Amino acid sequence: MNRAIRIILLVLAASLAGCQSKPRPSVDRFFDSDLAKRENDHALRLLDEGKLEEAESHLKRALEADVMYGPAHNNLGLVYFHQSKLYPAAWEFQSAIKLMPYQPEPRNNLGLVFEKAGKISSAAEAYEKARQMEPDNPEYLANLARARIRRGDRDLETKKLLEELVLKDSRPQWSQWARINLLRMGDPTSRPAPSTRPSP
């Protein structure tokens, strides 16, 4: 091997070694959780004001900053739910569940999507999981009771849910609904009237 070729090979080997020894960029550099939180918090205020499109823009910016930020997925799901976009809403709630497995709210919200889509058994399962994680939350209790009543359940467990709802829920509409359905459960020929059932 002549000297010129040997020199070229040594230079190539040195340059390749240099490429391999450079540190790889940290994954953290690609996520800005602080920005994601700020955008999410801003979106929540807009959601409270009913400004869905503006909230959606901020939530999308939050996820561009940090796609792993679970609360933004949950809140974007709420935006889609209120816009009756059930499929993307379900997708966002499922993403939130994966990123925040110990938070009950996305499971409850997924139940709302199922219920609105007419998948009552799936809704009841989602509400049950949310309630198991936070048993004293009256919203999860009420949603589970409503789904079970809509499914036609008249068992002891459903009766206990309604009794608990009367005691725990401070919302008059829900307490009244629970009392009416407790009375109806005593009459096997009656069914809950849709007008008395609070909607999801």
C-alpha atoms as a PDB file:
ATOM      1  CA  MET A   1       0.000   0.000   0.000  1.00  0.00           C
ATOM      2  CA  ASN A   2       1.537   3.310  -0.991  1.00  0.00           C
ATOM      3  CA  ARG A   3       2.032   6.125   1.449  1.00  0.00           C
ATOM      4  CA  ALA A   4      -0.681   8.401  -0.025  1.00  0.00           C
ATOM      5  CA  ILE A   5      -3.423   5.780   0.340  1.00  0.00           C
ATOM      6  CA  ARG A   6      -2.285   5.012   3.902  1.00  0.00           C
ATOM      7  CA  ILE A   7      -2.549   8.710   4.844  1.00  0.00           C
ATOM      8  CA  ILE A   8      -6.050   8.963   3.327  1.00  0.00           C
ATOM      9  CA  LEU A   9      -7.198   5.896   5.279  1.00  0.00           C
ATOM     10  CA  LEU A  10      -5.785   7.291   8.537  1.00  0.00           C
ATOM     11  CA  VAL A  11      -7.587  10.617   7.980  1.00  0.00           C
ATOM     12  CA  LEU A  12     -10.890   8.822   7.258  1.00  0.00           C
ATOM     13  CA  ALA A  13     -10.527   6.629  10.347  1.00  0.00           C
ATOM     14  CA  ALA A  14      -9.809   9.670  12.505  1.00  0.00           C
ATOM     15  CA  SER A  15     -12.824  11.573  11.143  1.00  0.00           C
ATOM     16  CA  LEU A  16     -15.147   8.583  11.687  1.00  0.00           C
ATOM     17  CA  ALA A  17     -13.887   8.142  15.223  1.00  0.00           C
ATOM     18  CA  GLY A  18     -14.564  11.832  15.805  1.00  0.00           C
ATOM     19  CA  CYS A  19     -18.157  11.483  14.581  1.00  0.00           C
ATOM     20  CA  GLN A  20     -18.796   8.567  16.915  1.00  0.00           C
ATOM     21  CA  SER A  21     -17.355  10.290  19.951  1.00  0.00           C
ATOM     22  CA  LYS A  22     -19.623  13.361  19.735  1.00  0.00           C
ATOM     23  CA  PRO A  23     -22.330  13.311  22.450  1.00  0.00           C
ATOM     24  CA  ARG A  24     -25.856  12.708  21.202  1.00  0.00           C
ATOM     25  CA  PRO A  25     -28.360  15.504  21.897  1.00  0.00           C
ATOM     26  CA  SER A  26     -30.439  15.019  25.023  1.00  0.00           C
ATOM     27  CA  VAL A  27     -34.101  14.090  24.494  1.00  0.00           C
ATOM     28  CA  ASP A  28     -35.008  16.756  27.081  1.00  0.00           C
ATOM     29  CA  ARG A  29     -33.897  19.421  24.628  1.00  0.00           C
ATOM     30  CA  PHE A  30     -36.882  18.572  22.432  1.00  0.00           C
ATOM     31  CA  PHE A  31     -39.497  18.979  25.203  1.00  0.00           C
ATOM     32  CA  ASP A  32     -40.466  22.214  26.914  1.00  0.00           C
ATOM     33  CA  SER A  33     -42.745  21.152  29.770  1.00  0.00           C
ATOM     34  CA  ASP A  34     -42.879  24.668  31.216  1.00  0.00           C
ATOM     35  CA  LEU A  35     -44.216  26.073  27.954  1.00  0.00           C
ATOM     36  CA  ALA A  36     -46.656  23.171  27.664  1.00  0.00           C
ATOM     37  CA  LYS A  37     -47.985  23.913  31.158  1.00  0.00           C
ATOM     38  CA  ARG A  38     -48.362  27.638  30.433  1.00  0.00           C
ATOM     39  CA  GLU A  39     -50.242  26.971  27.200  1.00  0.00           C
ATOM     40  CA  ASN A  40     -52.438  24.374  28.919  1.00  0.00           C
ATOM     41  CA  ASP A  41     -53.273  26.745  31.799  1.00  0.00           C
ATOM     42  CA  HIS A  42     -54.169  29.484  29.324  1.00  0.00           C
ATOM     43  CA  ALA A  43     -56.373  27.039  27.415  1.00  0.00           C
ATOM     44  CA  LEU A  44     -58.220  26.083  30.619  1.00  0.00           C
ATOM     45  CA  ARG A  45     -59.196  29.718  31.173  1.00  0.00           C
ATOM     46  CA  LEU A  46     -60.456  29.908  27.589  1.00  0.00           C
ATOM     47  CA  LEU A  47     -62.394  26.654  28.064  1.00  0.00           C
ATOM     48  CA  ASP A  48     -64.133  28.141  31.108  1.00  0.00           C
ATOM     49  CA  GLU A  49     -65.141  31.092  28.924  1.00  0.00           C
ATOM     50  CA  GLY A  50     -66.473  28.755  26.217  1.00  0.00           C
ATOM     51  CA  LYS A  51     -63.828  29.838  23.679  1.00  0.00           C
ATOM     52  CA  LEU A  52     -63.241  26.386  22.239  1.00  0.00           C
ATOM     53  CA  GLU A  53     -61.308  27.274  19.087  1.00  0.00           C
ATOM     54  CA  GLU A  54     -58.858  29.497  20.963  1.00  0.00           C
ATOM     55  CA  ALA A  55     -58.427  26.845  23.641  1.00  0.00           C
ATOM     56  CA  GLU A  56     -57.752  24.255  20.942  1.00  0.00           C
ATOM     57  CA  SER A  57     -54.968  26.425  19.446  1.00  0.00           C
ATOM     58  CA  HIS A  58     -53.242  26.807  22.803  1.00  0.00           C
ATOM     59  CA  LEU A  59     -53.536  23.108  23.567  1.00  0.00           C
ATOM     60  CA  LYS A  60     -52.008  22.196  20.229  1.00  0.00           C
ATOM     61  CA  ARG A  61     -49.141  24.572  21.002  1.00  0.00           C
ATOM     62  CA  ALA A  62     -48.766  22.882  24.389  1.00  0.00           C
ATOM     63  CA  LEU A  63     -48.435  19.498  22.700  1.00  0.00           C
ATOM     64  CA  GLU A  64     -45.970  20.872  20.151  1.00  0.00           C
ATOM     65  CA  ALA A  65     -43.876  21.977  23.136  1.00  0.00           C
ATOM     66  CA  ASP A  66     -44.237  18.623  24.909  1.00  0.00           C
ATOM     67  CA  VAL A  67     -46.217  15.833  23.278  1.00  0.00           C
ATOM     68  CA  MET A  68     -45.937  13.824  26.516  1.00  0.00           C
ATOM     69  CA  TYR A  69     -47.814  16.440  28.583  1.00  0.00           C
ATOM     70  CA  GLY A  70     -50.892  14.467  29.656  1.00  0.00           C
ATOM     71  CA  PRO A  71     -53.129  17.319  30.904  1.00  0.00           C
ATOM     72  CA  ALA A  72     -53.031  18.963  27.462  1.00  0.00           C
ATOM     73  CA  HIS A  73     -54.231  15.715  25.839  1.00  0.00           C
ATOM     74  CA  ASN A  74     -57.073  15.495  28.374  1.00  0.00           C
ATOM     75  CA  ASN A  75     -58.123  19.107  27.845  1.00  0.00           C
ATOM     76  CA  LEU A  76     -57.885  18.865  24.065  1.00  0.00           C
ATOM     77  CA  GLY A  77     -60.186  15.861  24.383  1.00  0.00           C
ATOM     78  CA  LEU A  78     -62.662  18.059  26.270  1.00  0.00           C
ATOM     79  CA  VAL A  79     -62.537  20.647  23.480  1.00  0.00           C
ATOM     80  CA  TYR A  80     -63.297  17.961  20.897  1.00  0.00           C
ATOM     81  CA  PHE A  81     -66.041  16.487  23.101  1.00  0.00           C
ATOM     82  CA  HIS A  82     -67.786  19.862  23.370  1.00  0.00           C
ATOM     83  CA  GLN A  83     -67.487  20.199  19.586  1.00  0.00           C
ATOM     84  CA  SER A  84     -69.106  16.715  19.235  1.00  0.00           C
ATOM     85  CA  LYS A  85     -65.932  15.370  17.591  1.00  0.00           C
ATOM     86  CA  LEU A  86     -66.143  12.059  19.417  1.00  0.00           C
ATOM     87  CA  TYR A  87     -63.421  10.082  17.655  1.00  0.00           C
ATOM     88  CA  PRO A  88     -60.606  12.643  18.205  1.00  0.00           C
ATOM     89  CA  ALA A  89     -61.923  13.238  21.730  1.00  0.00           C
ATOM     90  CA  ALA A  90     -61.615   9.522  22.527  1.00  0.00           C
ATOM     91  CA  TRP A  91     -58.117   9.450  21.008  1.00  0.00           C
ATOM     92  CA  GLU A  92     -56.967  12.345  23.230  1.00  0.00           C
ATOM     93  CA  PHE A  93     -58.507  10.847  26.377  1.00  0.00           C
ATOM     94  CA  GLN A  94     -56.826   7.493  25.671  1.00  0.00           C
ATOM     95  CA  SER A  95     -53.498   9.294  25.211  1.00  0.00           C
ATOM     96  CA  ALA A  96     -54.041  11.068  28.530  1.00  0.00           C
ATOM     97  CA  ILE A  97     -54.804   7.742  30.247  1.00  0.00           C
ATOM     98  CA  LYS A  98     -51.534   6.265  28.957  1.00  0.00           C
ATOM     99  CA  LEU A  99     -49.535   9.294  30.107  1.00  0.00           C
ATOM    100  CA  MET A 100     -51.368   9.703  33.446  1.00  0.00           C
ATOM    101  CA  PRO A 101     -52.415   6.163  34.436  1.00  0.00           C
ATOM    102  CA  TYR A 102     -53.218   7.143  38.028  1.00  0.00           C
ATOM    103  CA  GLN A 103     -55.492  10.076  37.169  1.00  0.00           C
ATOM    104  CA  PRO A 104     -59.233   9.286  37.102  1.00  0.00           C
ATOM    105  CA  GLU A 105     -60.410  12.323  35.102  1.00  0.00           C
ATOM    106  CA  PRO A 106     -59.417  11.094  31.603  1.00  0.00           C
ATOM    107  CA  ARG A 107     -61.163   7.775  32.287  1.00  0.00           C
ATOM    108  CA  ASN A 108     -64.343   9.600  33.310  1.00  0.00           C
ATOM    109  CA  ASN A 109     -64.087  11.792  30.219  1.00  0.00           C
ATOM    110  CA  LEU A 110     -63.645   8.747  27.992  1.00  0.00           C
ATOM    111  CA  GLY A 111     -66.834   7.408  29.572  1.00  0.00           C
ATOM    112  CA  LEU A 112     -68.643  10.588  28.496  1.00  0.00           C
ATOM    113  CA  VAL A 113     -67.545   9.964  24.899  1.00  0.00           C
ATOM    114  CA  PHE A 114     -68.722   6.350  25.000  1.00  0.00           C
ATOM    115  CA  GLU A 115     -72.046   7.361  26.516  1.00  0.00           C
ATOM    116  CA  LYS A 116     -72.644  10.092  23.940  1.00  0.00           C
ATOM    117  CA  ALA A 117     -71.843   7.552  21.215  1.00  0.00           C
ATOM    118  CA  GLY A 118     -74.427   5.157  22.670  1.00  0.00           C
ATOM    119  CA  LYS A 119     -71.865   2.621  23.943  1.00  0.00           C
ATOM    120  CA  ILE A 120     -73.384   2.454  27.412  1.00  0.00           C
ATOM    121  CA  SER A 121     -71.564  -0.644  28.716  1.00  0.00           C
ATOM    122  CA  SER A 122     -68.181   0.799  27.694  1.00  0.00           C
ATOM    123  CA  ALA A 123     -69.163   4.070  29.376  1.00  0.00           C
ATOM    124  CA  ALA A 124     -70.095   2.244  32.587  1.00  0.00           C
ATOM    125  CA  GLU A 125     -66.715   0.457  32.595  1.00  0.00           C
ATOM    126  CA  ALA A 126     -64.832   3.736  32.179  1.00  0.00           C
ATOM    127  CA  TYR A 127     -66.863   5.435  34.930  1.00  0.00           C
ATOM    128  CA  GLU A 128     -66.313   2.453  37.230  1.00  0.00           C
ATOM    129  CA  LYS A 129     -62.537   2.705  36.780  1.00  0.00           C
ATOM    130  CA  ALA A 130     -62.611   6.443  37.497  1.00  0.00           C
ATOM    131  CA  ARG A 131     -64.728   5.870  40.595  1.00  0.00           C
ATOM    132  CA  GLN A 132     -62.442   3.130  41.905  1.00  0.00           C
ATOM    133  CA  MET A 133     -59.564   5.604  41.717  1.00  0.00           C
ATOM    134  CA  GLU A 134     -61.516   8.398  43.451  1.00  0.00           C
ATOM    135  CA  PRO A 135     -64.488   6.877  45.296  1.00  0.00           C
ATOM    136  CA  ASP A 136     -65.675  10.106  46.929  1.00  0.00           C
ATOM    137  CA  ASN A 137     -66.010  12.097  43.711  1.00  0.00           C
ATOM    138  CA  PRO A 138     -69.758  12.709  43.220  1.00  0.00           C
ATOM    139  CA  GLU A 139     -69.384  13.346  39.478  1.00  0.00           C
ATOM    140  CA  TYR A 140     -67.899   9.902  38.847  1.00  0.00           C
ATOM    141  CA  LEU A 141     -70.542   8.319  41.077  1.00  0.00           C
ATOM    142  CA  ALA A 142     -73.358  10.117  39.261  1.00  0.00           C
ATOM    143  CA  ASN A 143     -72.054   9.222  35.813  1.00  0.00           C
ATOM    144  CA  LEU A 144     -71.733   5.568  36.772  1.00  0.00           C
ATOM    145  CA  ALA A 145     -75.253   5.508  38.228  1.00  0.00           C
ATOM    146  CA  ARG A 146     -76.660   7.161  35.090  1.00  0.00           C
ATOM    147  CA  ALA A 147     -74.914   4.661  32.788  1.00  0.00           C
ATOM    148  CA  ARG A 148     -76.172   1.705  34.809  1.00  0.00           C
ATOM    149  CA  ILE A 149     -79.734   3.050  34.783  1.00  0.00           C
ATOM    150  CA  ARG A 150     -79.543   3.691  31.024  1.00  0.00           C
ATOM    151  CA  ARG A 151     -78.327   0.117  30.575  1.00  0.00           C
ATOM    152  CA  GLY A 152     -81.378  -1.129  32.462  1.00  0.00           C
ATOM    153  CA  ASP A 153     -79.564  -2.346  35.587  1.00  0.00           C
ATOM    154  CA  ARG A 154     -81.920  -2.828  38.539  1.00  0.00           C
ATOM    155  CA  ASP A 155     -79.635  -4.779  40.834  1.00  0.00           C
ATOM    156  CA  LEU A 156     -78.574  -4.110  44.406  1.00  0.00           C
ATOM    157  CA  GLU A 157     -75.346  -2.414  43.311  1.00  0.00           C
ATOM    158  CA  THR A 158     -77.280   0.124  41.232  1.00  0.00           C
ATOM    159  CA  LYS A 159     -79.615   0.794  44.156  1.00  0.00           C
ATOM    160  CA  LYS A 160     -76.620   1.405  46.443  1.00  0.00           C
ATOM    161  CA  LEU A 161     -75.148   3.842  43.913  1.00  0.00           C
ATOM    162  CA  LEU A 162     -78.400   5.803  43.804  1.00  0.00           C
ATOM    163  CA  GLU A 163     -78.647   5.885  47.606  1.00  0.00           C
ATOM    164  CA  GLU A 164     -75.050   7.101  47.830  1.00  0.00           C
ATOM    165  CA  LEU A 165     -75.779   9.737  45.202  1.00  0.00           C
ATOM    166  CA  VAL A 166     -78.687  11.114  47.250  1.00  0.00           C
ATOM    167  CA  LEU A 167     -76.379  11.474  50.258  1.00  0.00           C
ATOM    168  CA  LYS A 168     -73.195  12.744  48.580  1.00  0.00           C
ATOM    169  CA  ASP A 169     -74.191  14.874  45.606  1.00  0.00           C
ATOM    170  CA  SER A 170     -74.966  18.482  46.447  1.00  0.00           C
ATOM    171  CA  ARG A 171     -76.382  19.193  42.962  1.00  0.00           C
ATOM    172  CA  PRO A 172     -80.201  19.312  43.382  1.00  0.00           C
ATOM    173  CA  GLN A 173     -80.890  17.982  39.857  1.00  0.00           C
ATOM    174  CA  TRP A 174     -78.828  14.865  40.529  1.00  0.00           C
ATOM    175  CA  SER A 175     -80.295  14.234  43.993  1.00  0.00           C
ATOM    176  CA  GLN A 176     -83.798  14.508  42.577  1.00  0.00           C
ATOM    177  CA  TRP A 177     -82.909  12.208  39.671  1.00  0.00           C
ATOM    178  CA  ALA A 178     -81.491   9.607  42.073  1.00  0.00           C
ATOM    179  CA  ARG A 179     -84.600   9.738  44.308  1.00  0.00           C
ATOM    180  CA  ILE A 180     -86.948   9.321  41.327  1.00  0.00           C
ATOM    181  CA  ASN A 181     -85.018   6.297  40.097  1.00  0.00           C
ATOM    182  CA  LEU A 182     -84.899   4.742  43.554  1.00  0.00           C
ATOM    183  CA  LEU A 183     -88.715   4.956  43.595  1.00  0.00           C
ATOM    184  CA  ARG A 184     -88.943   3.532  40.083  1.00  0.00           C
ATOM    185  CA  MET A 185     -86.714   0.595  41.044  1.00  0.00           C
ATOM    186  CA  GLY A 186     -89.481  -0.490  43.420  1.00  0.00           C
ATOM    187  CA  ASP A 187     -91.841  -0.787  40.456  1.00  0.00           C
ATOM    188  CA  PRO A 188     -90.533  -3.400  37.969  1.00  0.00           C
ATOM    189  CA  THR A 189     -92.852  -2.131  35.193  1.00  0.00           C
ATOM    190  CA  SER A 190     -91.486   1.439  35.193  1.00  0.00           C
ATOM    191  CA  ARG A 191     -88.505   2.874  33.368  1.00  0.00           C
ATOM    192  CA  PRO A 192     -86.562   6.082  34.039  1.00  0.00           C
ATOM    193  CA  ALA A 193     -88.031   9.016  32.135  1.00  0.00           C
ATOM    194  CA  PRO A 194     -85.431  10.562  29.811  1.00  0.00           C
ATOM    195  CA  SER A 195     -86.507  14.077  30.830  1.00  0.00           C
ATOM    196  CA  THR A 196     -85.432  13.418  34.412  1.00  0.00           C
ATOM    197  CA  ARG A 197     -81.999  12.042  33.507  1.00  0.00           C
ATOM    198  CA  PRO A 198     -79.154  14.585  33.579  1.00  0.00           C
ATOM    199  CA  SER A 199     -77.291  14.287  30.284  1.00  0.00           C
ATOM    200  CA  PRO A 200     -73.553  13.647  29.894  1.00  0.00           C
END
